[in-house]
Amino acid sequence: MPLEFLYGVGAVILLGVLIWAVAVPRLKSSKARTISEEATRMQYEHPETYKRHQDELEAMAEQAEEEERARQS
C-alpha cells in the first residue's frame, strides 16, 4: 500500500513540474526571443563561426532578460 501511494505522489509532482515548465518559458521578452532565434539560425547556417559568437549572443539575451525584469519591477 505505501509504495503505490508514493507512485501516485510522484506522478502528481511530475505532472506539476511539467505544467510549470510549459507555462513559464525561459525567455520571456520578445527581444531575448529574437536574439535566441538569430543565434539558432546562425548556428545552422554558419556552424564554424558560431562558436566565436556564441558567448556574445548569450550575453545579449541575458541582458535583454535583465532589462525586461527591471522594467517590470
Protein backbone atom coordinates (compact mmCIF):
# COMPACT_ATOMS: atom_id res chain seq x y z
CA MET A 1 0.00 0.00 0.00
CA PRO A 2 2.64 2.68 0.88
CA LEU A 3 4.57 2.00 -2.34
CA GLU A 4 1.51 2.59 -4.51
CA PHE A 5 0.85 5.82 -2.61
CA LEU A 6 4.39 7.04 -3.38
CA TYR A 7 3.90 6.29 -7.09
CA GLY A 8 0.77 8.44 -7.05
CA VAL A 9 2.51 11.29 -5.23
CA GLY A 10 5.44 11.09 -7.64
CA ALA A 11 3.10 11.20 -10.64
CA VAL A 12 1.32 14.28 -9.28
CA ILE A 13 4.64 16.03 -8.61
CA LEU A 14 5.88 15.17 -12.09
CA LEU A 15 2.67 16.49 -13.62
CA GLY A 16 3.04 19.73 -11.69
CA VAL A 17 6.62 20.20 -12.83
CA LEU A 18 5.69 19.54 -16.46
CA ILE A 19 2.82 22.02 -16.34
CA TRP A 20 5.10 24.64 -14.76
CA ALA A 21 7.83 24.03 -17.37
CA VAL A 22 5.38 24.56 -20.22
CA ALA A 23 3.61 27.54 -18.65
CA VAL A 24 6.73 29.53 -17.71
CA PRO A 25 9.01 29.87 -20.74
CA ARG A 26 12.65 30.58 -20.06
CA LEU A 27 12.94 33.56 -22.38
CA LYS A 28 10.08 35.95 -21.74
CA SER A 29 10.98 39.14 -23.55
CA SER A 30 10.47 39.43 -27.27
CA LYS A 31 13.96 40.90 -27.67
CA ALA A 32 15.54 37.88 -25.96
CA ARG A 33 13.48 35.51 -28.14
CA THR A 34 14.62 37.36 -31.28
CA ILE A 35 18.26 37.08 -30.21
CA SER A 36 17.78 33.38 -29.47
CA GLU A 37 16.22 32.77 -32.88
CA GLU A 38 19.06 34.63 -34.57
CA ALA A 39 21.60 32.53 -32.65
CA THR A 40 19.87 29.33 -33.74
CA ARG A 41 19.79 30.50 -37.36
CA MET A 42 23.49 31.41 -37.21
CA GLN A 43 24.35 28.06 -35.63
CA TYR A 44 22.82 26.15 -38.55
CA GLU A 45 23.88 28.46 -41.36
CA HIS A 46 27.46 29.11 -40.18
CA PRO A 47 28.46 26.44 -37.64
CA GLU A 48 32.19 27.18 -37.98
CA THR A 49 31.83 30.82 -36.94
CA TYR A 50 29.02 30.31 -34.44
CA LYS A 51 31.35 29.16 -31.67
CA ARG A 52 33.14 32.52 -31.78
CA HIS A 53 29.90 34.48 -31.40
CA GLN A 54 28.07 32.14 -29.00
CA ASP A 55 29.15 33.91 -25.79
CA GLU A 56 28.30 37.31 -27.22
CA LEU A 57 24.80 36.20 -28.25
CA GLU A 58 24.16 34.57 -24.88
CA ALA A 59 25.22 37.77 -23.12
CA MET A 60 22.89 39.82 -25.31
CA ALA A 61 19.96 37.53 -24.49
CA GLU A 62 20.73 37.67 -20.77
CA GLN A 63 20.96 41.46 -20.91
CA ALA A 64 17.59 41.65 -22.68
CA GLU A 65 16.06 39.46 -19.97
CA GLU A 66 17.53 41.64 -17.20
CA GLU A 67 16.20 44.78 -18.89
CA GLU A 68 12.75 43.21 -19.11
CA ARG A 69 12.82 42.24 -15.42
CA ALA A 70 13.95 45.74 -14.44
CA ARG A 71 11.17 47.29 -16.50
CA GLN A 72 8.57 45.03 -14.85
CA SER A 73 9.75 45.89 -11.33
